[in-house]
Amino acid sequence: MKSTEQNLDRLNTGHLDMVFVHDVSLNPHRDEWITKFDEV
């Protein structure tokens, strides 16, 4: 996800130990929410 990539750049690192994911539900992504969740 774009915001996670931006955080990696800002923190000058290649990984994060933990990422809090929110607003990944049926409403914003319709039927693609599972794909979006797998992306994260």
N, C-alpha and C. Protein backbone atom coordinates (compact mmCIF):
# COMPACT_ATOMS: atom_id res chain seq x y z
N MET A 1 0.83 -1.16 0.00
CA MET A 1 0.00 0.00 0.00
C MET A 1 0.89 1.24 0.00
N LYS A 2 0.36 2.25 -0.60
CA LYS A 2 1.14 3.47 -0.79
C LYS A 2 1.66 4.08 0.51
N SER A 3 0.82 4.16 1.52
CA SER A 3 1.24 4.78 2.78
C SER A 3 2.34 3.96 3.46
N THR A 4 2.29 2.64 3.34
CA THR A 4 3.33 1.80 3.93
C THR A 4 4.66 2.02 3.21
N GLU A 5 4.61 2.11 1.89
CA GLU A 5 5.82 2.38 1.12
C GLU A 5 6.41 3.74 1.47
N GLN A 6 5.55 4.72 1.68
CA GLN A 6 6.02 6.05 2.07
C GLN A 6 6.69 6.02 3.43
N ASN A 7 6.14 5.24 4.35
CA ASN A 7 6.74 5.11 5.67
C ASN A 7 8.10 4.43 5.59
N LEU A 8 8.24 3.44 4.74
CA LEU A 8 9.54 2.77 4.57
C LEU A 8 10.58 3.78 4.10
N ASP A 9 10.21 4.61 3.14
CA ASP A 9 11.12 5.64 2.65
C ASP A 9 11.45 6.65 3.74
N ARG A 10 10.43 7.10 4.44
CA ARG A 10 10.63 8.11 5.48
C ARG A 10 11.53 7.60 6.60
N LEU A 11 11.37 6.33 6.95
CA LEU A 11 12.15 5.73 8.02
C LEU A 11 13.50 5.19 7.54
N ASN A 12 13.71 5.25 6.22
CA ASN A 12 14.95 4.78 5.62
C ASN A 12 15.24 3.32 6.00
N THR A 13 14.23 2.48 5.79
CA THR A 13 14.36 1.06 6.11
C THR A 13 13.68 0.23 5.02
N GLY A 14 13.99 -1.04 4.98
CA GLY A 14 13.39 -1.93 4.00
C GLY A 14 12.30 -2.81 4.54
N HIS A 15 12.04 -2.71 5.86
CA HIS A 15 10.99 -3.55 6.45
C HIS A 15 10.40 -2.88 7.68
N LEU A 16 9.21 -3.31 8.01
CA LEU A 16 8.54 -2.90 9.25
C LEU A 16 8.16 -4.17 9.99
N ASP A 17 8.34 -4.16 11.30
CA ASP A 17 7.98 -5.35 12.09
C ASP A 17 6.48 -5.53 12.20
N MET A 18 5.75 -4.41 12.20
CA MET A 18 4.30 -4.49 12.34
C MET A 18 3.66 -3.31 11.62
N VAL A 19 2.53 -3.57 10.98
CA VAL A 19 1.77 -2.52 10.30
C VAL A 19 0.32 -2.67 10.72
N PHE A 20 -0.28 -1.58 11.18
CA PHE A 20 -1.69 -1.58 11.54
C PHE A 20 -2.51 -1.27 10.29
N VAL A 21 -3.38 -2.19 9.90
CA VAL A 21 -4.21 -2.03 8.71
C VAL A 21 -5.63 -1.74 9.14
N HIS A 22 -6.19 -0.68 8.58
CA HIS A 22 -7.57 -0.33 8.91
C HIS A 22 -8.32 0.05 7.65
N ASP A 23 -9.60 0.07 7.74
CA ASP A 23 -10.49 0.43 6.63
C ASP A 23 -10.38 -0.50 5.43
N VAL A 24 -9.97 -1.74 5.64
CA VAL A 24 -9.99 -2.71 4.55
C VAL A 24 -11.25 -3.53 4.77
N SER A 25 -12.32 -3.11 4.14
CA SER A 25 -13.61 -3.77 4.32
C SER A 25 -14.34 -3.86 2.99
N LEU A 26 -15.50 -4.41 3.02
CA LEU A 26 -16.28 -4.56 1.79
C LEU A 26 -16.65 -3.23 1.14
N ASN A 27 -16.88 -2.20 1.91
CA ASN A 27 -17.35 -0.95 1.34
C ASN A 27 -16.38 -0.25 0.39
N PRO A 28 -15.16 0.07 0.80
CA PRO A 28 -14.32 0.83 -0.11
C PRO A 28 -13.81 0.05 -1.30
N HIS A 29 -13.65 -1.26 -1.18
CA HIS A 29 -13.05 -2.04 -2.27
C HIS A 29 -14.01 -3.04 -2.88
N ARG A 30 -15.22 -3.04 -2.46
CA ARG A 30 -16.24 -3.96 -2.95
C ARG A 30 -15.74 -5.41 -2.91
N ASP A 31 -15.81 -6.12 -4.02
CA ASP A 31 -15.42 -7.53 -4.04
C ASP A 31 -13.92 -7.76 -4.02
N GLU A 32 -13.15 -6.70 -4.19
CA GLU A 32 -11.70 -6.84 -4.22
C GLU A 32 -11.06 -6.70 -2.84
N TRP A 33 -11.86 -6.64 -1.77
CA TRP A 33 -11.27 -6.41 -0.45
C TRP A 33 -10.33 -7.53 -0.02
N ILE A 34 -10.63 -8.77 -0.42
CA ILE A 34 -9.75 -9.88 -0.05
C ILE A 34 -8.39 -9.72 -0.74
N THR A 35 -8.39 -9.32 -2.01
CA THR A 35 -7.16 -9.08 -2.74
C THR A 35 -6.37 -7.96 -2.07
N LYS A 36 -7.05 -6.89 -1.67
CA LYS A 36 -6.38 -5.77 -1.00
C LYS A 36 -5.81 -6.21 0.33
N PHE A 37 -6.53 -7.03 1.05
CA PHE A 37 -6.04 -7.52 2.34
C PHE A 37 -4.79 -8.39 2.13
N ASP A 38 -4.80 -9.25 1.10
CA ASP A 38 -3.63 -10.08 0.80
C ASP A 38 -2.44 -9.24 0.39
N GLU A 39 -2.69 -8.12 -0.30
CA GLU A 39 -1.62 -7.20 -0.71
C GLU A 39 -0.84 -6.71 0.49
N VAL A 40 -1.58 -6.37 1.54
CA VAL A 40 -0.96 -5.83 2.74
C VAL A 40 -0.21 -6.93 3.46
